[in-house]
PDB file of N, CA and C in Angstrom:
ATOM      1  N   UNK A   1       8.630 -14.393  12.764  1.00  0.00           N
ATOM      2  CA  UNK A   1       9.117 -13.131  12.275  1.00  0.00           C
ATOM      3  C   UNK A   1       8.167 -12.011  12.711  1.00  0.00           C
ATOM      4  N   UNK A   2       8.706 -10.973  13.297  1.00  0.00           N
ATOM      5  CA  UNK A   2       7.909  -9.820  13.688  1.00  0.00           C
ATOM      6  C   UNK A   2       8.015  -8.782  12.586  1.00  0.00           C
ATOM      7  N   UNK A   3       6.880  -8.307  12.156  1.00  0.00           N
ATOM      8  CA  UNK A   3       6.817  -7.366  11.049  1.00  0.00           C
ATOM      9  C   UNK A   3       6.857  -5.932  11.560  1.00  0.00           C
ATOM     10  N   UNK A   4       7.357  -5.037  10.745  1.00  0.00           N
ATOM     11  CA  UNK A   4       7.306  -3.609  11.061  1.00  0.00           C
ATOM     12  C   UNK A   4       5.957  -3.063  10.628  1.00  0.00           C
ATOM     13  N   UNK A   5       5.372  -2.226  11.464  1.00  0.00           N
ATOM     14  CA  UNK A   5       4.073  -1.621  11.190  1.00  0.00           C
ATOM     15  C   UNK A   5       4.261  -0.153  10.866  1.00  0.00           C
ATOM     16  N   UNK A   6       3.343   0.398  10.070  1.00  0.00           N
ATOM     17  CA  UNK A   6       3.390   1.827   9.761  1.00  0.00           C
ATOM     18  C   UNK A   6       1.977   2.365   9.653  1.00  0.00           C
ATOM     19  N   UNK A   7       1.855   3.664   9.853  1.00  0.00           N
ATOM     20  CA  UNK A   7       0.573   4.338   9.695  1.00  0.00           C
ATOM     21  C   UNK A   7       0.325   4.689   8.240  1.00  0.00           C
ATOM     22  N   UNK A   8      -0.840   5.247   7.983  1.00  0.00           N
ATOM     23  CA  UNK A   8      -1.207   5.567   6.607  1.00  0.00           C
ATOM     24  C   UNK A   8      -0.346   6.690   6.023  1.00  0.00           C
ATOM     25  N   UNK A   9       0.066   7.637   6.857  1.00  0.00           N
ATOM     26  CA  UNK A   9       0.916   8.725   6.349  1.00  0.00           C
ATOM     27  C   UNK A   9       2.251   8.183   5.867  1.00  0.00           C
ATOM     28  N   UNK A  10       2.890   7.357   6.684  1.00  0.00           N
ATOM     29  CA  UNK A  10       4.170   6.776   6.291  1.00  0.00           C
ATOM     30  C   UNK A  10       4.026   5.888   5.063  1.00  0.00           C
ATOM     31  N   UNK A  11       2.975   5.075   5.040  1.00  0.00           N
ATOM     32  CA  UNK A  11       2.762   4.169   3.908  1.00  0.00           C
ATOM     33  C   UNK A  11       2.533   4.943   2.614  1.00  0.00           C
ATOM     34  N   UNK A  12       1.719   5.994   2.664  1.00  0.00           N
ATOM     35  CA  UNK A  12       1.470   6.765   1.444  1.00  0.00           C
ATOM     36  C   UNK A  12       2.740   7.480   0.981  1.00  0.00           C
ATOM     37  N   UNK A  13       3.553   7.957   1.923  1.00  0.00           N
ATOM     38  CA  UNK A  13       4.830   8.582   1.548  1.00  0.00           C
ATOM     39  C   UNK A  13       5.768   7.568   0.912  1.00  0.00           C
ATOM     40  N   UNK A  14       5.818   6.361   1.450  1.00  0.00           N
ATOM     41  CA  UNK A  14       6.702   5.333   0.889  1.00  0.00           C
ATOM     42  C   UNK A  14       6.268   4.946  -0.513  1.00  0.00           C
ATOM     43  N   UNK A  15       4.964   4.964  -0.768  1.00  0.00           N
ATOM     44  CA  UNK A  15       4.467   4.627  -2.100  1.00  0.00           C
ATOM     45  C   UNK A  15       4.509   5.822  -3.048  1.00  0.00           C
ATOM     46  N   UNK A  16       4.620   7.022  -2.497  1.00  0.00           N
ATOM     47  CA  UNK A  16       4.609   8.220  -3.326  1.00  0.00           C
ATOM     48  C   UNK A  16       3.225   8.564  -3.842  1.00  0.00           C
ATOM     49  N   UNK A  17       2.201   8.255  -3.044  1.00  0.00           N
ATOM     50  CA  UNK A  17       0.817   8.534  -3.422  1.00  0.00           C
ATOM     51  C   UNK A  17       0.154   9.346  -2.311  1.00  0.00           C
ATOM     52  N   UNK A  18      -1.017   9.879  -2.595  1.00  0.00           N
ATOM     53  CA  UNK A  18      -1.760  10.616  -1.583  1.00  0.00           C
ATOM     54  C   UNK A  18      -2.422   9.647  -0.603  1.00  0.00           C
ATOM     55  N   UNK A  19      -2.824  10.174   0.535  1.00  0.00           N
ATOM     56  CA  UNK A  19      -3.551   9.353   1.513  1.00  0.00           C
ATOM     57  C   UNK A  19      -4.856   8.843   0.921  1.00  0.00           C
ATOM     58  N   UNK A  20      -5.474   9.660   0.077  1.00  0.00           N
ATOM     59  CA  UNK A  20      -6.726   9.251  -0.572  1.00  0.00           C
ATOM     60  C   UNK A  20      -6.484   8.044  -1.487  1.00  0.00           C
ATOM     61  N   UNK A  21      -5.392   8.057  -2.243  1.00  0.00           N
ATOM     62  CA  UNK A  21      -5.067   6.921  -3.113  1.00  0.00           C
ATOM     63  C   UNK A  21      -4.786   5.674  -2.285  1.00  0.00           C
ATOM     64  N   UNK A  22      -4.049   5.842  -1.186  1.00  0.00           N
ATOM     65  CA  UNK A  22      -3.756   4.704  -0.316  1.00  0.00           C
ATOM     66  C   UNK A  22      -5.048   4.085   0.204  1.00  0.00           C
ATOM     67  N   UNK A  23      -5.962   4.918   0.664  1.00  0.00           N
ATOM     68  CA  UNK A  23      -7.240   4.402   1.178  1.00  0.00           C
ATOM     69  C   UNK A  23      -8.045   3.733   0.077  1.00  0.00           C
ATOM     70  N   UNK A  24      -7.913   4.218  -1.149  1.00  0.00           N
ATOM     71  CA  UNK A  24      -8.582   3.585  -2.286  1.00  0.00           C
ATOM     72  C   UNK A  24      -8.027   2.186  -2.527  1.00  0.00           C
ATOM     73  N   UNK A  25      -6.702   2.022  -2.427  1.00  0.00           N
ATOM     74  CA  UNK A  25      -6.091   0.700  -2.567  1.00  0.00           C
ATOM     75  C   UNK A  25      -6.587  -0.240  -1.472  1.00  0.00           C
ATOM     76  N   UNK A  26      -6.714   0.283  -0.252  1.00  0.00           N
ATOM     77  CA  UNK A  26      -7.190  -0.526   0.875  1.00  0.00           C
ATOM     78  C   UNK A  26      -8.658  -0.892   0.664  1.00  0.00           C
ATOM     79  N   UNK A  27      -9.495   0.109   0.350  1.00  0.00           N
ATOM     80  CA  UNK A  27     -10.928  -0.136   0.149  1.00  0.00           C
ATOM     81  C   UNK A  27     -11.189  -1.078  -1.017  1.00  0.00           C
ATOM     82  N   UNK A  28     -10.329  -1.034  -2.035  1.00  0.00           N
ATOM     83  CA  UNK A  28     -10.488  -1.893  -3.206  1.00  0.00           C
ATOM     84  C   UNK A  28      -9.941  -3.302  -3.014  1.00  0.00           C
ATOM     85  N   UNK A  29      -9.356  -3.565  -1.834  1.00  0.00           N
ATOM     86  CA  UNK A  29      -8.834  -4.903  -1.565  1.00  0.00           C
ATOM     87  C   UNK A  29      -7.478  -5.173  -2.183  1.00  0.00           C
ATOM     88  N   UNK A  30      -6.847  -4.144  -2.728  1.00  0.00           N
ATOM     89  CA  UNK A  30      -5.533  -4.331  -3.339  1.00  0.00           C
ATOM     90  C   UNK A  30      -4.413  -4.334  -2.308  1.00  0.00           C
ATOM     91  N   UNK A  31      -4.653  -3.695  -1.177  1.00  0.00           N
ATOM     92  CA  UNK A  31      -3.644  -3.541  -0.135  1.00  0.00           C
ATOM     93  C   UNK A  31      -4.271  -3.888   1.207  1.00  0.00           C
ATOM     94  N   UNK A  32      -3.629  -4.765   1.947  1.00  0.00           N
ATOM     95  CA  UNK A  32      -4.139  -5.196   3.242  1.00  0.00           C
ATOM     96  C   UNK A  32      -3.780  -4.186   4.322  1.00  0.00           C
ATOM     97  N   UNK A  33      -4.753  -3.864   5.160  1.00  0.00           N
ATOM     98  CA  UNK A  33      -4.529  -2.955   6.284  1.00  0.00           C
ATOM     99  C   UNK A  33      -5.315  -3.485   7.483  1.00  0.00           C
ATOM    100  N   UNK A  34      -4.973  -2.994   8.652  1.00  0.00           N
ATOM    101  CA  UNK A  34      -5.596  -3.424   9.894  1.00  0.00           C
ATOM    102  C   UNK A  34      -6.090  -2.214  10.658  1.00  0.00           C
ATOM    103  N   UNK A  35      -7.262  -2.333  11.275  1.00  0.00           N
ATOM    104  CA  UNK A  35      -7.795  -1.255  12.094  1.00  0.00           C
ATOM    105  C   UNK A  35      -7.694  -1.676  13.550  1.00  0.00           C
ATOM    106  N   UNK A  36      -7.035  -0.820  14.339  1.00  0.00           N
ATOM    107  CA  UNK A  36      -6.919  -1.016  15.776  1.00  0.00           C
ATOM    108  C   UNK A  36      -7.616   0.172  16.420  1.00  0.00           C
ATOM    109  N   UNK A  37      -8.880  -0.003  16.762  1.00  0.00           N
ATOM    110  CA  UNK A  37      -9.661   1.124  17.256  1.00  0.00           C
ATOM    111  C   UNK A  37      -9.890   2.098  16.117  1.00  0.00           C
ATOM    112  N   UNK A  38      -9.421   3.336  16.284  1.00  0.00           N
ATOM    113  CA  UNK A  38      -9.578   4.347  15.244  1.00  0.00           C
ATOM    114  C   UNK A  38      -8.346   4.464  14.353  1.00  0.00           C
ATOM    115  N   UNK A  39      -7.332   3.654  14.608  1.00  0.00           N
ATOM    116  CA  UNK A  39      -6.054   3.761  13.906  1.00  0.00           C
ATOM    117  C   UNK A  39      -5.937   2.662  12.844  1.00  0.00           C
ATOM    118  N   UNK A  40      -5.472   3.032  11.659  1.00  0.00           N
ATOM    119  CA  UNK A  40      -5.221   2.066  10.587  1.00  0.00           C
ATOM    120  C   UNK A  40      -3.722   1.861  10.495  1.00  0.00           C
ATOM    121  N   UNK A  41      -3.312   0.606  10.459  1.00  0.00           N
ATOM    122  CA  UNK A  41      -1.889   0.260  10.357  1.00  0.00           C
ATOM    123  C   UNK A  41      -1.700  -0.721   9.209  1.00  0.00           C
ATOM    124  N   UNK A  42      -0.518  -0.644   8.604  1.00  0.00           N
ATOM    125  CA  UNK A  42      -0.151  -1.541   7.516  1.00  0.00           C
ATOM    126  C   UNK A  42       1.160  -2.213   7.858  1.00  0.00           C
ATOM    127  N   UNK A  43       1.290  -3.469   7.455  1.00  0.00           N
ATOM    128  CA  UNK A  43       2.550  -4.176   7.651  1.00  0.00           C
ATOM    129  C   UNK A  43       3.485  -3.857   6.498  1.00  0.00           C
ATOM    130  N   UNK A  44       4.742  -3.686   6.819  1.00  0.00           N
ATOM    131  CA  UNK A  44       5.749  -3.400   5.795  1.00  0.00           C
ATOM    132  C   UNK A  44       5.777  -4.506   4.737  1.00  0.00           C
ATOM    133  N   UNK A  45       5.645  -5.750   5.151  1.00  0.00           N
ATOM    134  CA  UNK A  45       5.677  -6.868   4.193  1.00  0.00           C
ATOM    135  C   UNK A  45       4.492  -6.818   3.230  1.00  0.00           C
ATOM    136  N   UNK A  46       3.309  -6.384   3.712  1.00  0.00           N
ATOM    137  CA  UNK A  46       2.150  -6.250   2.822  1.00  0.00           C
ATOM    138  C   UNK A  46       2.380  -5.144   1.807  1.00  0.00           C
ATOM    139  N   UNK A  47       3.025  -4.054   2.242  1.00  0.00           N
ATOM    140  CA  UNK A  47       3.337  -2.956   1.335  1.00  0.00           C
ATOM    141  C   UNK A  47       4.317  -3.416   0.253  1.00  0.00           C
ATOM    142  N   UNK A  48       5.315  -4.198   0.642  1.00  0.00           N
ATOM    143  CA  UNK A  48       6.293  -4.719  -0.316  1.00  0.00           C
ATOM    144  C   UNK A  48       5.635  -5.664  -1.317  1.00  0.00           C
ATOM    145  N   UNK A  49       4.724  -6.513  -0.842  1.00  0.00           N
ATOM    146  CA  UNK A  49       4.003  -7.419  -1.746  1.00  0.00           C
ATOM    147  C   UNK A  49       3.133  -6.631  -2.728  1.00  0.00           C
ATOM    148  N   UNK A  50       2.479  -5.582  -2.242  1.00  0.00           N
ATOM    149  CA  UNK A  50       1.669  -4.725  -3.102  1.00  0.00           C
ATOM    150  C   UNK A  50       2.536  -4.101  -4.198  1.00  0.00           C
ATOM    151  N   UNK A  51       3.707  -3.635  -3.820  1.00  0.00           N
ATOM    152  CA  UNK A  51       4.621  -3.050  -4.809  1.00  0.00           C
ATOM    153  C   UNK A  51       5.015  -4.070  -5.868  1.00  0.00           C
ATOM    154  N   UNK A  52       5.325  -5.279  -5.461  1.00  0.00           N
ATOM    155  CA  UNK A  52       5.721  -6.317  -6.426  1.00  0.00           C
ATOM    156  C   UNK A  52       4.567  -6.662  -7.360  1.00  0.00           C
ATOM    157  N   UNK A  53       3.348  -6.738  -6.833  1.00  0.00           N
ATOM    158  CA  UNK A  53       2.182  -7.036  -7.677  1.00  0.00           C
ATOM    159  C   UNK A  53       1.900  -5.899  -8.655  1.00  0.00           C
ATOM    160  N   UNK A  54       2.322  -4.689  -8.302  1.00  0.00           N
ATOM    161  CA  UNK A  54       2.052  -3.515  -9.129  1.00  0.00           C
ATOM    162  C   UNK A  54       3.122  -3.272 -10.188  1.00  0.00           C
ATOM    163  N   UNK A  55       4.168  -4.066 -10.163  1.00  0.00           N
ATOM    164  CA  UNK A  55       5.275  -3.881 -11.102  1.00  0.00           C
ATOM    165  C   UNK A  55       4.798  -4.107 -12.535  1.00  0.00           C
ATOM    166  N   UNK A  56       5.195  -3.200 -13.414  1.00  0.00           N
ATOM    167  CA  UNK A  56       4.852  -3.307 -14.822  1.00  0.00           C
ATOM    168  C   UNK A  56       5.962  -4.021 -15.578  1.00  0.00           C
ATOM    169  N   UNK A  57       5.566  -4.828 -16.526  1.00  0.00           N
ATOM    170  CA  UNK A  57       6.524  -5.485 -17.391  1.00  0.00           C
ATOM    171  C   UNK A  57       6.863  -4.587 -18.574  1.00  0.00           C
ATOM    172  N   UNK A  58       7.810  -5.005 -19.393  1.00  0.00           N
ATOM    173  CA  UNK A  58       8.207  -4.234 -20.555  1.00  0.00           C
ATOM    174  C   UNK A  58       7.017  -3.952 -21.471  1.00  0.00           C
ATOM    175  N   UNK A  59       6.906  -2.705 -21.901  1.00  0.00           N
ATOM    176  CA  UNK A  59       5.869  -2.323 -22.839  1.00  0.00           C
ATOM    177  C   UNK A  59       4.508  -2.053 -22.226  1.00  0.00           C
ATOM    178  N   UNK A  60       4.369  -2.235 -20.926  1.00  0.00           N
ATOM    179  CA  UNK A  60       3.060  -2.068 -20.309  1.00  0.00           C
ATOM    180  C   UNK A  60       2.805  -0.662 -19.756  1.00  0.00           C
ATOM    181  N   UNK A  61       3.809   0.180 -19.732  1.00  0.00           N
ATOM    182  CA  UNK A  61       3.642   1.531 -19.198  1.00  0.00           C
ATOM    183  C   UNK A  61       2.986   2.468 -20.203  1.00  0.00           C
ATOM    184  N   UNK A  62       2.975   2.102 -21.446  1.00  0.00           N
ATOM    185  CA  UNK A  62       2.414   2.960 -22.491  1.00  0.00           C
ATOM    186  C   UNK A  62       0.938   2.640 -22.693  1.00  0.00           C
ATOM    187  N   UNK A  63       0.112   2.972 -21.673  1.00  0.00           N
ATOM    188  CA  UNK A  63      -1.304   2.649 -21.738  1.00  0.00           C
ATOM    189  C   UNK A  63      -2.158   3.887 -21.998  1.00  0.00           C
ATOM    190  N   UNK A  64      -1.549   5.065 -22.042  1.00  0.00           N
ATOM    191  CA  UNK A  64      -2.340   6.296 -22.240  1.00  0.00           C
ATOM    192  C   UNK A  64      -2.438   6.668 -23.677  1.00  0.00           C
TER     193      UNK A  64
END
């Protein structure tokens, strides 16, 4: 299976977060990314897995 790749701008837009937040997820090991020279790329499947791991269950959104 060949995966679709995206840059950090596209990935942050798909997640609805800032580029800084996306890089924080990557630096924290929560989201897998790849560096090709000076370019960072993410696989669409890794982004989907990150979203599933981030899903909140019932009653868990009221943490504030």
